[in-house]
Amino acid sequence: MKNRKQIGNQGELVAIQYLERSGYQILEKNYRIGRGEIDIIAIREDLLVFAEVKTRSYHYYSLVEDKVSWYQRQKIKQTASRYLNGKHWMGAVRLDVLLVFLGESGSVQHLKGYLGQL
């Protein structure tokens, strides 16, 4: 039986593979600055995406709000802003959530822009 860290790592790998198949280039994994962390930072053409990955070992119905708290959203936005401070990015920025269900299907639900924009 896998622990939470192993399940999370496996989910991030599935999310990265999904994004790469969808035409994104991965710039950062588990980017940390201060107390903030962003699971994946990816780029596709003129779009920069900050993605939070939530992984479950089985598929069940629940609201995304149950997975990404208001506090987490604010932390992700702050961390993304800090990342951008050192860059000269001129394109669009989007904050996504990737819900990964590891069961037999290994499905990914990509909620584009769910966390808003900067």
PDB file of N, CA and C in Angstrom:
ATOM      1  N   MET A   1       0.843  -1.184   0.000  1.00  0.00           N
ATOM      2  CA  MET A   1       0.000   0.000   0.000  1.00  0.00           C
ATOM      3  C   MET A   1       0.889   1.248   0.000  1.00  0.00           C
ATOM      4  N   LYS A   2       0.573   2.190  -0.875  1.00  0.00           N
ATOM      5  CA  LYS A   2       1.379   3.398  -1.012  1.00  0.00           C
ATOM      6  C   LYS A   2       0.968   4.439   0.016  1.00  0.00           C
ATOM      7  N   ASN A   3       1.951   5.227   0.449  1.00  0.00           N
ATOM      8  CA  ASN A   3       1.620   6.320   1.360  1.00  0.00           C
ATOM      9  C   ASN A   3       1.228   7.555   0.545  1.00  0.00           C
ATOM     10  N   ARG A   4       0.798   8.601   1.228  1.00  0.00           N
ATOM     11  CA  ARG A   4       0.309   9.809   0.558  1.00  0.00           C
ATOM     12  C   ARG A   4       1.355  10.446  -0.342  1.00  0.00           C
ATOM     13  N   LYS A   5       2.601  10.469   0.106  1.00  0.00           N
ATOM     14  CA  LYS A   5       3.680  11.071  -0.679  1.00  0.00           C
ATOM     15  C   LYS A   5       3.881  10.304  -1.979  1.00  0.00           C
ATOM     16  N   GLN A   6       3.873   8.978  -1.908  1.00  0.00           N
ATOM     17  CA  GLN A   6       4.044   8.157  -3.110  1.00  0.00           C
ATOM     18  C   GLN A   6       2.878   8.360  -4.082  1.00  0.00           C
ATOM     19  N   ILE A   7       1.665   8.426  -3.548  1.00  0.00           N
ATOM     20  CA  ILE A   7       0.489   8.655  -4.390  1.00  0.00           C
ATOM     21  C   ILE A   7       0.585  10.030  -5.052  1.00  0.00           C
ATOM     22  N   GLY A   8       0.993  11.049  -4.278  1.00  0.00           N
ATOM     23  CA  GLY A   8       1.151  12.393  -4.824  1.00  0.00           C
ATOM     24  C   GLY A   8       2.209  12.460  -5.914  1.00  0.00           C
ATOM     25  N   ASN A   9       3.337  11.799  -5.688  1.00  0.00           N
ATOM     26  CA  ASN A   9       4.408  11.774  -6.692  1.00  0.00           C
ATOM     27  C   ASN A   9       3.955  11.084  -7.972  1.00  0.00           C
ATOM     28  N   GLN A  10       3.231   9.986  -7.815  1.00  0.00           N
ATOM     29  CA  GLN A  10       2.730   9.267  -8.987  1.00  0.00           C
ATOM     30  C   GLN A  10       1.722  10.140  -9.742  1.00  0.00           C
ATOM     31  N   GLY A  11       0.867  10.836  -9.013  1.00  0.00           N
ATOM     32  CA  GLY A  11      -0.110  11.726  -9.639  1.00  0.00           C
ATOM     33  C   GLY A  11       0.553  12.855 -10.405  1.00  0.00           C
ATOM     34  N   GLU A  12       1.616  13.418  -9.848  1.00  0.00           N
ATOM     35  CA  GLU A  12       2.330  14.489 -10.546  1.00  0.00           C
ATOM     36  C   GLU A  12       2.972  13.971 -11.827  1.00  0.00           C
ATOM     37  N   LEU A  13       3.496  12.756 -11.793  1.00  0.00           N
ATOM     38  CA  LEU A  13       4.072  12.155 -12.999  1.00  0.00           C
ATOM     39  C   LEU A  13       3.001  11.975 -14.077  1.00  0.00           C
ATOM     40  N   VAL A  14       1.825  11.486 -13.684  1.00  0.00           N
ATOM     41  CA  VAL A  14       0.715  11.321 -14.634  1.00  0.00           C
ATOM     42  C   VAL A  14       0.309  12.681 -15.198  1.00  0.00           C
ATOM     43  N   ALA A  15       0.245  13.705 -14.342  1.00  0.00           N
ATOM     44  CA  ALA A  15      -0.132  15.059 -14.781  1.00  0.00           C
ATOM     45  C   ALA A  15       0.887  15.617 -15.771  1.00  0.00           C
ATOM     46  N   ILE A  16       2.167  15.412 -15.499  1.00  0.00           N
ATOM     47  CA  ILE A  16       3.220  15.892 -16.398  1.00  0.00           C
ATOM     48  C   ILE A  16       3.105  15.204 -17.755  1.00  0.00           C
ATOM     49  N   GLN A  17       2.902  13.902 -17.750  1.00  0.00           N
ATOM     50  CA  GLN A  17       2.755  13.166 -19.010  1.00  0.00           C
ATOM     51  C   GLN A  17       1.538  13.680 -19.785  1.00  0.00           C
ATOM     52  N   TYR A  18       0.445  13.935 -19.083  1.00  0.00           N
ATOM     53  CA  TYR A  18      -0.770  14.467 -19.709  1.00  0.00           C
ATOM     54  C   TYR A  18      -0.479  15.827 -20.354  1.00  0.00           C
ATOM     55  N   LEU A  19       0.174  16.725 -19.604  1.00  0.00           N
ATOM     56  CA  LEU A  19       0.470  18.056 -20.133  1.00  0.00           C
ATOM     57  C   LEU A  19       1.401  17.983 -21.343  1.00  0.00           C
ATOM     58  N   GLU A  20       2.412  17.140 -21.271  1.00  0.00           N
ATOM     59  CA  GLU A  20       3.333  17.001 -22.405  1.00  0.00           C
ATOM     60  C   GLU A  20       2.604  16.477 -23.641  1.00  0.00           C
ATOM     61  N   ARG A  21       1.712  15.502 -23.458  1.00  0.00           N
ATOM     62  CA  ARG A  21       0.913  14.995 -24.590  1.00  0.00           C
ATOM     63  C   ARG A  21      -0.001  16.079 -25.153  1.00  0.00           C
ATOM     64  N   SER A  22      -0.366  17.048 -24.316  1.00  0.00           N
ATOM     65  CA  SER A  22      -1.254  18.138 -24.735  1.00  0.00           C
ATOM     66  C   SER A  22      -0.488  19.327 -25.311  1.00  0.00           C
ATOM     67  N   GLY A  23       0.831  19.179 -25.476  1.00  0.00           N
ATOM     68  CA  GLY A  23       1.616  20.207 -26.127  1.00  0.00           C
ATOM     69  C   GLY A  23       2.300  21.208 -25.214  1.00  0.00           C
ATOM     70  N   TYR A  24       2.294  20.964 -23.918  1.00  0.00           N
ATOM     71  CA  TYR A  24       2.954  21.855 -22.973  1.00  0.00           C
ATOM     72  C   TYR A  24       4.399  21.427 -22.767  1.00  0.00           C
ATOM     73  N   GLN A  25       5.262  22.392 -22.524  1.00  0.00           N
ATOM     74  CA  GLN A  25       6.644  22.125 -22.137  1.00  0.00           C
ATOM     75  C   GLN A  25       6.749  22.391 -20.638  1.00  0.00           C
ATOM     76  N   ILE A  26       7.265  21.449 -19.891  1.00  0.00           N
ATOM     77  CA  ILE A  26       7.387  21.590 -18.439  1.00  0.00           C
ATOM     78  C   ILE A  26       8.624  22.432 -18.138  1.00  0.00           C
ATOM     79  N   LEU A  27       8.420  23.535 -17.402  1.00  0.00           N
ATOM     80  CA  LEU A  27       9.531  24.404 -17.015  1.00  0.00           C
ATOM     81  C   LEU A  27      10.037  24.078 -15.618  1.00  0.00           C
ATOM     82  N   GLU A  28       9.117  23.793 -14.711  1.00  0.00           N
ATOM     83  CA  GLU A  28       9.473  23.539 -13.305  1.00  0.00           C
ATOM     84  C   GLU A  28       8.549  22.470 -12.741  1.00  0.00           C
ATOM     85  N   LYS A  29       9.109  21.673 -11.827  1.00  0.00           N
ATOM     86  CA  LYS A  29       8.318  20.721 -11.044  1.00  0.00           C
ATOM     87  C   LYS A  29       8.585  21.039  -9.576  1.00  0.00           C
ATOM     88  N   ASN A  30       7.537  21.085  -8.783  1.00  0.00           N
ATOM     89  CA  ASN A  30       7.654  21.351  -7.349  1.00  0.00           C
ATOM     90  C   ASN A  30       8.481  22.612  -7.080  1.00  0.00           C
ATOM     91  N   TYR A  31       8.131  23.676  -7.763  1.00  0.00           N
ATOM     92  CA  TYR A  31       8.814  24.960  -7.610  1.00  0.00           C
ATOM     93  C   TYR A  31       8.513  25.535  -6.229  1.00  0.00           C
ATOM     94  N   ARG A  32       9.549  25.894  -5.508  1.00  0.00           N
ATOM     95  CA  ARG A  32       9.402  26.455  -4.165  1.00  0.00           C
ATOM     96  C   ARG A  32      10.096  27.802  -4.084  1.00  0.00           C
ATOM     97  N   ILE A  33       9.413  28.712  -3.402  1.00  0.00           N
ATOM     98  CA  ILE A  33      10.004  29.993  -3.055  1.00  0.00           C
ATOM     99  C   ILE A  33       9.353  30.418  -1.742  1.00  0.00           C
ATOM    100  N   GLY A  34      10.161  30.719  -0.769  1.00  0.00           N
ATOM    101  CA  GLY A  34       9.608  31.021   0.551  1.00  0.00           C
ATOM    102  C   GLY A  34       8.819  29.832   1.059  1.00  0.00           C
ATOM    103  N   ARG A  35       7.613  30.094   1.492  1.00  0.00           N
ATOM    104  CA  ARG A  35       6.737  29.020   1.980  1.00  0.00           C
ATOM    105  C   ARG A  35       5.785  28.495   0.921  1.00  0.00           C
ATOM    106  N   GLY A  36       5.885  29.038  -0.273  1.00  0.00           N
ATOM    107  CA  GLY A  36       4.965  28.639  -1.334  1.00  0.00           C
ATOM    108  C   GLY A  36       5.539  27.571  -2.235  1.00  0.00           C
ATOM    109  N   GLU A  37       4.653  26.791  -2.822  1.00  0.00           N
ATOM    110  CA  GLU A  37       5.046  25.756  -3.777  1.00  0.00           C
ATOM    111  C   GLU A  37       4.011  25.678  -4.881  1.00  0.00           C
ATOM    112  N   ILE A  38       4.501  25.462  -6.083  1.00  0.00           N
ATOM    113  CA  ILE A  38       3.634  25.198  -7.230  1.00  0.00           C
ATOM    114  C   ILE A  38       4.073  23.864  -7.800  1.00  0.00           C
ATOM    115  N   ASP A  39       3.106  22.970  -7.998  1.00  0.00           N
ATOM    116  CA  ASP A  39       3.433  21.613  -8.435  1.00  0.00           C
ATOM    117  C   ASP A  39       4.092  21.589  -9.810  1.00  0.00           C
ATOM    118  N   ILE A  40       3.481  22.298 -10.779  1.00  0.00           N
ATOM    119  CA  ILE A  40       4.006  22.276 -12.147  1.00  0.00           C
ATOM    120  C   ILE A  40       3.882  23.679 -12.742  1.00  0.00           C
ATOM    121  N   ILE A  41       4.950  24.101 -13.410  1.00  0.00           N
ATOM    122  CA  ILE A  41       4.903  25.322 -14.215  1.00  0.00           C
ATOM    123  C   ILE A  41       5.210  24.879 -15.632  1.00  0.00           C
ATOM    124  N   ALA A  42       4.299  25.200 -16.555  1.00  0.00           N
ATOM    125  CA  ALA A  42       4.433  24.742 -17.934  1.00  0.00           C
ATOM    126  C   ALA A  42       4.125  25.890 -18.892  1.00  0.00           C
ATOM    127  N   ILE A  43       4.572  25.723 -20.114  1.00  0.00           N
ATOM    128  CA  ILE A  43       4.360  26.738 -21.144  1.00  0.00           C
ATOM    129  C   ILE A  43       3.874  26.060 -22.413  1.00  0.00           C
ATOM    130  N   ARG A  44       2.973  26.751 -23.098  1.00  0.00           N
ATOM    131  CA  ARG A  44       2.535  26.325 -24.434  1.00  0.00           C
ATOM    132  C   ARG A  44       2.284  27.582 -25.244  1.00  0.00           C
ATOM    133  N   GLU A  45       3.101  27.769 -26.262  1.00  0.00           N
ATOM    134  CA  GLU A  45       3.070  28.969 -27.098  1.00  0.00           C
ATOM    135  C   GLU A  45       3.229  30.208 -26.216  1.00  0.00           C
ATOM    136  N   ASP A  46       2.229  31.084 -26.168  1.00  0.00           N
ATOM    137  CA  ASP A  46       2.355  32.303 -25.363  1.00  0.00           C
ATOM    138  C   ASP A  46       1.522  32.222 -24.079  1.00  0.00           C
ATOM    139  N   LEU A  47       1.351  31.009 -23.557  1.00  0.00           N
ATOM    140  CA  LEU A  47       0.572  30.781 -22.338  1.00  0.00           C
ATOM    141  C   LEU A  47       1.452  30.113 -21.284  1.00  0.00           C
ATOM    142  N   LEU A  48       1.537  30.745 -20.127  1.00  0.00           N
ATOM    143  CA  LEU A  48       2.268  30.189 -18.992  1.00  0.00           C
ATOM    144  C   LEU A  48       1.242  29.657 -17.996  1.00  0.00           C
ATOM    145  N   VAL A  49       1.393  28.400 -17.608  1.00  0.00           N
ATOM    146  CA  VAL A  49       0.417  27.746 -16.729  1.00  0.00           C
ATOM    147  C   VAL A  49       1.079  27.334 -15.416  1.00  0.00           C
ATOM    148  N   PHE A  50       0.440  27.728 -14.323  1.00  0.00           N
ATOM    149  CA  PHE A  50       0.807  27.274 -12.985  1.00  0.00           C
ATOM    150  C   PHE A  50      -0.251  26.248 -12.612  1.00  0.00           C
ATOM    151  N   ALA A  51       0.175  25.024 -12.326  1.00  0.00           N
ATOM    152  CA  ALA A  51      -0.793  23.946 -12.095  1.00  0.00           C
ATOM    153  C   ALA A  51      -0.637  23.329 -10.713  1.00  0.00           C
ATOM    154  N   GLU A  52      -1.755  23.192 -10.041  1.00  0.00           N
ATOM    155  CA  GLU A  52      -1.842  22.461  -8.782  1.00  0.00           C
ATOM    156  C   GLU A  52      -2.367  21.074  -9.118  1.00  0.00           C
ATOM    157  N   VAL A  53      -1.693  20.039  -8.628  1.00  0.00           N
ATOM    158  CA  VAL A  53      -2.104  18.663  -8.903  1.00  0.00           C
ATOM    159  C   VAL A  53      -2.707  18.069  -7.641  1.00  0.00           C
ATOM    160  N   LYS A  54      -3.888  17.508  -7.786  1.00  0.00           N
ATOM    161  CA  LYS A  54      -4.552  16.796  -6.688  1.00  0.00           C
ATOM    162  C   LYS A  54      -4.770  15.364  -7.142  1.00  0.00           C
ATOM    163  N   THR A  55      -4.279  14.432  -6.365  1.00  0.00           N
ATOM    164  CA  THR A  55      -4.302  13.022  -6.756  1.00  0.00           C
ATOM    165  C   THR A  55      -5.142  12.199  -5.796  1.00  0.00           C
ATOM    166  N   ARG A  56      -5.901  11.296  -6.366  1.00  0.00           N
ATOM    167  CA  ARG A  56      -6.663  10.328  -5.583  1.00  0.00           C
ATOM    168  C   ARG A  56      -6.375   8.952  -6.145  1.00  0.00           C
ATOM    169  N   SER A  57      -6.317   7.960  -5.272  1.00  0.00           N
ATOM    170  CA  SER A  57      -6.040   6.604  -5.737  1.00  0.00           C
ATOM    171  C   SER A  57      -7.304   5.929  -6.261  1.00  0.00           C
ATOM    172  N   TYR A  58      -8.435   6.562  -6.072  1.00  0.00           N
ATOM    173  CA  TYR A  58      -9.693   6.039  -6.596  1.00  0.00           C
ATOM    174  C   TYR A  58     -10.553   7.226  -7.018  1.00  0.00           C
ATOM    175  N   HIS A  59     -11.518   6.978  -7.880  1.00  0.00           N
ATOM    176  CA  HIS A  59     -12.366   8.024  -8.434  1.00  0.00           C
ATOM    177  C   HIS A  59     -13.630   8.141  -7.573  1.00  0.00           C
ATOM    178  N   TYR A  60     -13.872   9.329  -7.081  1.00  0.00           N
ATOM    179  CA  TYR A  60     -15.116   9.580  -6.361  1.00  0.00           C
ATOM    180  C   TYR A  60     -15.535  11.008  -6.610  1.00  0.00           C
ATOM    181  N   TYR A  61     -16.799  11.270  -6.459  1.00  0.00           N
ATOM    182  CA  TYR A  61     -17.310  12.609  -6.727  1.00  0.00           C
ATOM    183  C   TYR A  61     -17.107  13.499  -5.513  1.00  0.00           C
ATOM    184  N   SER A  62     -16.552  14.649  -5.755  1.00  0.00           N
ATOM    185  CA  SER A  62     -16.479  15.688  -4.736  1.00  0.00           C
ATOM    186  C   SER A  62     -16.214  17.002  -5.443  1.00  0.00           C
ATOM    187  N   LEU A  63     -16.444  18.086  -4.768  1.00  0.00           N
ATOM    188  CA  LEU A  63     -16.213  19.398  -5.338  1.00  0.00           C
ATOM    189  C   LEU A  63     -14.731  19.729  -5.320  1.00  0.00           C
ATOM    190  N   VAL A  64     -14.301  20.505  -6.288  1.00  0.00           N
ATOM    191  CA  VAL A  64     -12.896  20.915  -6.318  1.00  0.00           C
ATOM    192  C   VAL A  64     -12.587  21.742  -5.078  1.00  0.00           C
ATOM    193  N   GLU A  65     -13.563  22.485  -4.596  1.00  0.00           N
ATOM    194  CA  GLU A  65     -13.360  23.287  -3.400  1.00  0.00           C
ATOM    195  C   GLU A  65     -12.929  22.421  -2.216  1.00  0.00           C
ATOM    196  N   ASP A  66     -13.304  21.161  -2.238  1.00  0.00           N
ATOM    197  CA  ASP A  66     -12.893  20.236  -1.182  1.00  0.00           C
ATOM    198  C   ASP A  66     -11.417  19.876  -1.314  1.00  0.00           C
ATOM    199  N   LYS A  67     -10.851  20.080  -2.483  1.00  0.00           N
ATOM    200  CA  LYS A  67      -9.472  19.679  -2.744  1.00  0.00           C
ATOM    201  C   LYS A  67      -8.495  20.845  -2.679  1.00  0.00           C
ATOM    202  N   VAL A  68      -8.929  22.051  -3.068  1.00  0.00           N
ATOM    203  CA  VAL A  68      -8.074  23.234  -3.076  1.00  0.00           C
ATOM    204  C   VAL A  68      -8.764  24.310  -2.232  1.00  0.00           C
ATOM    205  N   SER A  69      -8.257  24.489  -1.043  1.00  0.00           N
ATOM    206  CA  SER A  69      -8.870  25.442  -0.111  1.00  0.00           C
ATOM    207  C   SER A  69      -8.615  26.881  -0.544  1.00  0.00           C
ATOM    208  N   TRP A  70      -9.358  27.794   0.021  1.00  0.00           N
ATOM    209  CA  TRP A  70      -9.180  29.217  -0.241  1.00  0.00           C
ATOM    210  C   TRP A  70      -7.752  29.615   0.110  1.00  0.00           C
ATOM    211  N   TYR A  71      -7.242  29.146   1.227  1.00  0.00           N
ATOM    212  CA  TYR A  71      -5.882  29.458   1.650  1.00  0.00           C
ATOM    213  C   TYR A  71      -4.863  28.963   0.621  1.00  0.00           C
ATOM    214  N   GLN A  72      -5.046  27.742   0.130  1.00  0.00           N
ATOM    215  CA  GLN A  72      -4.140  27.185  -0.877  1.00  0.00           C
ATOM    216  C   GLN A  72      -4.162  28.024  -2.148  1.00  0.00           C
ATOM    217  N   ARG A  73      -5.354  28.455  -2.546  1.00  0.00           N
ATOM    218  CA  ARG A  73      -5.481  29.286  -3.747  1.00  0.00           C
ATOM    219  C   ARG A  73      -4.685  30.570  -3.611  1.00  0.00           C
ATOM    220  N   GLN A  74      -4.817  31.207  -2.459  1.00  0.00           N
ATOM    221  CA  GLN A  74      -4.090  32.460  -2.230  1.00  0.00           C
ATOM    222  C   GLN A  74      -2.586  32.228  -2.241  1.00  0.00           C
ATOM    223  N   LYS A  75      -2.158  31.133  -1.636  1.00  0.00           N
ATOM    224  CA  LYS A  75      -0.734  30.790  -1.581  1.00  0.00           C
ATOM    225  C   LYS A  75      -0.188  30.529  -2.986  1.00  0.00           C
ATOM    226  N   ILE A  76      -0.952  29.827  -3.801  1.00  0.00           N
ATOM    227  CA  ILE A  76      -0.537  29.542  -5.172  1.00  0.00           C
ATOM    228  C   ILE A  76      -0.422  30.847  -5.963  1.00  0.00           C
ATOM    229  N   LYS A  77      -1.386  31.734  -5.821  1.00  0.00           N
ATOM    230  CA  LYS A  77      -1.342  33.020  -6.528  1.00  0.00           C
ATOM    231  C   LYS A  77      -0.139  33.852  -6.090  1.00  0.00           C
ATOM    232  N   GLN A  78       0.140  33.875  -4.801  1.00  0.00           N
ATOM    233  CA  GLN A  78       1.296  34.618  -4.291  1.00  0.00           C
ATOM    234  C   GLN A  78       2.602  34.032  -4.842  1.00  0.00           C
ATOM    235  N   THR A  79       2.695  32.718  -4.838  1.00  0.00           N
ATOM    236  CA  THR A  79       3.902  32.050  -5.321  1.00  0.00           C
ATOM    237  C   THR A  79       4.082  32.291  -6.820  1.00  0.00           C
ATOM    238  N   ALA A  80       2.993  32.215  -7.580  1.00  0.00           N
ATOM    239  CA  ALA A  80       3.062  32.485  -9.019  1.00  0.00           C
ATOM    240  C   ALA A  80       3.516  33.920  -9.268  1.00  0.00           C
ATOM    241  N   SER A  81       3.000  34.858  -8.496  1.00  0.00           N
ATOM    242  CA  SER A  81       3.407  36.265  -8.637  1.00  0.00           C
ATOM    243  C   SER A  81       4.890  36.434  -8.345  1.00  0.00           C
ATOM    244  N   ARG A  82       5.356  35.759  -7.312  1.00  0.00           N
ATOM    245  CA  ARG A  82       6.781  35.834  -6.970  1.00  0.00           C
ATOM    246  C   ARG A  82       7.642  35.224  -8.077  1.00  0.00           C
ATOM    247  N   TYR A  83       7.182  34.136  -8.670  1.00  0.00           N
ATOM    248  CA  TYR A  83       7.901  33.524  -9.787  1.00  0.00           C
ATOM    249  C   TYR A  83       8.008  34.517 -10.944  1.00  0.00           C
ATOM    250  N   LEU A  84       6.900  35.183 -11.253  1.00  0.00           N
ATOM    251  CA  LEU A  84       6.866  36.107 -12.382  1.00  0.00           C
ATOM    252  C   LEU A  84       7.678  37.375 -12.137  1.00  0.00           C
ATOM    253  N   ASN A  85       7.896  37.744 -10.878  1.00  0.00           N
ATOM    254  CA  ASN A  85       8.658  38.952 -10.569  1.00  0.00           C
ATOM    255  C   ASN A  85      10.042  38.933 -11.197  1.00  0.00           C
ATOM    256  N   GLY A  86      10.657  37.784 -11.270  1.00  0.00           N
ATOM    257  CA  GLY A  86      12.004  37.686 -11.827  1.00  0.00           C
ATOM    258  C   GLY A  86      12.031  37.402 -13.320  1.00  0.00           C
ATOM    259  N   LYS A  87      10.881  37.344 -13.933  1.00  0.00           N
ATOM    260  CA  LYS A  87      10.795  37.007 -15.361  1.00  0.00           C
ATOM    261  C   LYS A  87      10.297  38.221 -16.140  1.00  0.00           C
ATOM    262  N   HIS A  88      10.495  38.180 -17.422  1.00  0.00           N
ATOM    263  CA  HIS A  88       9.969  39.229 -18.298  1.00  0.00           C
ATOM    264  C   HIS A  88       8.918  38.607 -19.213  1.00  0.00           C
ATOM    265  N   TRP A  89       7.959  37.965 -18.611  1.00  0.00           N
ATOM    266  CA  TRP A  89       6.925  37.239 -19.354  1.00  0.00           C
ATOM    267  C   TRP A  89       5.902  38.219 -19.903  1.00  0.00           C
ATOM    268  N   MET A  90       5.619  38.119 -21.190  1.00  0.00           N
ATOM    269  CA  MET A  90       4.689  39.044 -21.845  1.00  0.00           C
ATOM    270  C   MET A  90       3.399  38.348 -22.280  1.00  0.00           C
ATOM    271  N   GLY A  91       3.324  37.042 -22.147  1.00  0.00           N
ATOM    272  CA  GLY A  91       2.147  36.306 -22.595  1.00  0.00           C
ATOM    273  C   GLY A  91       1.093  36.186 -21.506  1.00  0.00           C
ATOM    274  N   ALA A  92       0.105  35.371 -21.787  1.00  0.00           N
ATOM    275  CA  ALA A  92      -0.984  35.118 -20.845  1.00  0.00           C
ATOM    276  C   ALA A  92      -0.524  34.176 -19.737  1.00  0.00           C
ATOM    277  N   VAL A  93      -1.193  34.285 -18.593  1.00  0.00           N
ATOM    278  CA  VAL A  93      -0.906  33.427 -17.440  1.00  0.00           C
ATOM    279  C   VAL A  93      -2.217  32.810 -16.985  1.00  0.00           C
ATOM    280  N   ARG A  94      -2.172  31.520 -16.675  1.00  0.00           N
ATOM    281  CA  ARG A  94      -3.381  30.836 -16.204  1.00  0.00           C
ATOM    282  C   ARG A  94      -3.016  29.950 -15.025  1.00  0.00           C
ATOM    283  N   LEU A  95      -3.954  29.829 -14.102  1.00  0.00           N
ATOM    284  CA  LEU A  95      -3.775  28.992 -12.917  1.00  0.00           C
ATOM    285  C   LEU A  95      -4.765  27.836 -12.992  1.00  0.00           C
ATOM    286  N   ASP A  96      -4.237  26.631 -13.156  1.00  0.00           N
ATOM    287  CA  ASP A  96      -5.060  25.440 -13.385  1.00  0.00           C
ATOM    288  C   ASP A  96      -5.007  24.477 -12.208  1.00  0.00           C
ATOM    289  N   VAL A  97      -5.960  23.557 -12.214  1.00  0.00           N
ATOM    290  CA  VAL A  97      -5.956  22.416 -11.302  1.00  0.00           C
ATOM    291  C   VAL A  97      -6.039  21.165 -12.169  1.00  0.00           C
ATOM    292  N   LEU A  98      -5.195  20.192 -11.858  1.00  0.00           N
ATOM    293  CA  LEU A  98      -5.257  18.896 -12.525  1.00  0.00           C
ATOM    294  C   LEU A  98      -5.650  17.864 -11.481  1.00  0.00           C
ATOM    295  N   LEU A  99      -6.814  17.253 -11.672  1.00  0.00           N
ATOM    296  CA  LEU A  99      -7.285  16.196 -10.782  1.00  0.00           C
ATOM    297  C   LEU A  99      -6.890  14.864 -11.414  1.00  0.00           C
ATOM    298  N   VAL A 100      -6.074  14.113 -10.707  1.00  0.00           N
ATOM    299  CA  VAL A 100      -5.565  12.838 -11.219  1.00  0.00           C
ATOM    300  C   VAL A 100      -6.189  11.716 -10.406  1.00  0.00           C
ATOM    301  N   PHE A 101      -6.792  10.765 -11.114  1.00  0.00           N
ATOM    302  CA  PHE A 101      -7.386   9.588 -10.483  1.00  0.00           C
ATOM    303  C   PHE A 101      -6.579   8.380 -10.936  1.00  0.00           C
ATOM    304  N   LEU A 102      -5.879   7.750 -10.002  1.00  0.00           N
ATOM    305  CA  LEU A 102      -4.917   6.711 -10.347  1.00  0.00           C
ATOM    306  C   LEU A 102      -5.525   5.348 -10.621  1.00  0.00           C
ATOM    307  N   GLY A 103      -6.716   5.079 -10.199  1.00  0.00           N
ATOM    308  CA  GLY A 103      -7.322   3.762 -10.360  1.00  0.00           C
ATOM    309  C   GLY A 103      -6.970   3.073 -11.663  1.00  0.00           C
ATOM    310  N   GLU A 104      -7.808   2.255 -12.168  1.00  0.00           N
ATOM    311  CA  GLU A 104      -7.543   1.503 -13.398  1.00  0.00           C
ATOM    312  C   GLU A 104      -7.411   2.419 -14.602  1.00  0.00           C
ATOM    313  N   SER A 105      -8.194   3.494 -14.635  1.00  0.00           N
ATOM    314  CA  SER A 105      -8.199   4.357 -15.815  1.00  0.00           C
ATOM    315  C   SER A 105      -7.041   5.342 -15.836  1.00  0.00           C
ATOM    316  N   GLY A 106      -6.545   5.754 -14.687  1.00  0.00           N
ATOM    317  CA  GLY A 106      -5.478   6.745 -14.640  1.00  0.00           C
ATOM    318  C   GLY A 106      -5.885   8.051 -15.294  1.00  0.00           C
ATOM    319  N   SER A 107      -7.114   8.483 -15.079  1.00  0.00           N
ATOM    320  CA  SER A 107      -7.640   9.639 -15.777  1.00  0.00           C
ATOM    321  C   SER A 107      -7.189  10.961 -15.156  1.00  0.00           C
ATOM    322  N   VAL A 108      -7.198  12.001 -15.998  1.00  0.00           N
ATOM    323  CA  VAL A 108      -6.850  13.351 -15.576  1.00  0.00           C
ATOM    324  C   VAL A 108      -7.992  14.274 -15.964  1.00  0.00           C
ATOM    325  N   GLN A 109      -8.424  15.071 -15.019  1.00  0.00           N
ATOM    326  CA  GLN A 109      -9.411  16.105 -15.290  1.00  0.00           C
ATOM    327  C   GLN A 109      -8.675  17.440 -15.186  1.00  0.00           C
ATOM    328  N   HIS A 110      -8.610  18.171 -16.304  1.00  0.00           N
ATOM    329  CA  HIS A 110      -7.857  19.421 -16.371  1.00  0.00           C
ATOM    330  C   HIS A 110      -8.836  20.587 -16.265  1.00  0.00           C
ATOM    331  N   LEU A 111      -8.765  21.281 -15.142  1.00  0.00           N
ATOM    332  CA  LEU A 111      -9.649  22.420 -14.904  1.00  0.00           C
ATOM    333  C   LEU A 111      -8.868  23.688 -15.234  1.00  0.00           C
ATOM    334  N   LYS A 112      -8.983  24.111 -16.483  1.00  0.00           N
ATOM    335  CA  LYS A 112      -8.209  25.238 -16.993  1.00  0.00           C
ATOM    336  C   LYS A 112      -8.736  26.543 -16.412  1.00  0.00           C
ATOM    337  N   GLY A 113      -7.823  27.310 -15.838  1.00  0.00           N
ATOM    338  CA  GLY A 113      -8.197  28.602 -15.282  1.00  0.00           C
ATOM    339  C   GLY A 113      -9.005  28.534 -14.006  1.00  0.00           C
ATOM    340  N   TYR A 114      -9.090  27.363 -13.409  1.00  0.00           N
ATOM    341  CA  TYR A 114      -9.942  27.208 -12.221  1.00  0.00           C
ATOM    342  C   TYR A 114      -9.525  28.132 -11.079  1.00  0.00           C
ATOM    343  N   LEU A 115      -8.231  28.349 -10.947  1.00  0.00           N
ATOM    344  CA  LEU A 115      -7.741  29.206  -9.857  1.00  0.00           C
ATOM    345  C   LEU A 115      -7.656  30.670 -10.289  1.00  0.00           C
ATOM    346  N   GLY A 116      -8.071  30.970 -11.517  1.00  0.00           N
ATOM    347  CA  GLY A 116      -8.107  32.342 -11.988  1.00  0.00           C
ATOM    348  C   GLY A 116      -6.879  32.719 -12.781  1.00  0.00           C
ATOM    349  N   GLN A 117      -6.659  34.019 -12.885  1.00  0.00           N
ATOM    350  CA  GLN A 117      -5.522  34.565 -13.601  1.00  0.00           C
ATOM    351  C   GLN A 117      -4.808  35.561 -12.711  1.00  0.00           C
ATOM    352  N   LEU A 118      -3.613  35.934 -13.121  1.00  0.00           N
ATOM    353  CA  LEU A 118      -2.852  36.948 -12.384  1.00  0.00           C
ATOM    354  C   LEU A 118      -2.935  38.266 -13.107  1.00  0.00           C
TER     355      LEU A 118
END
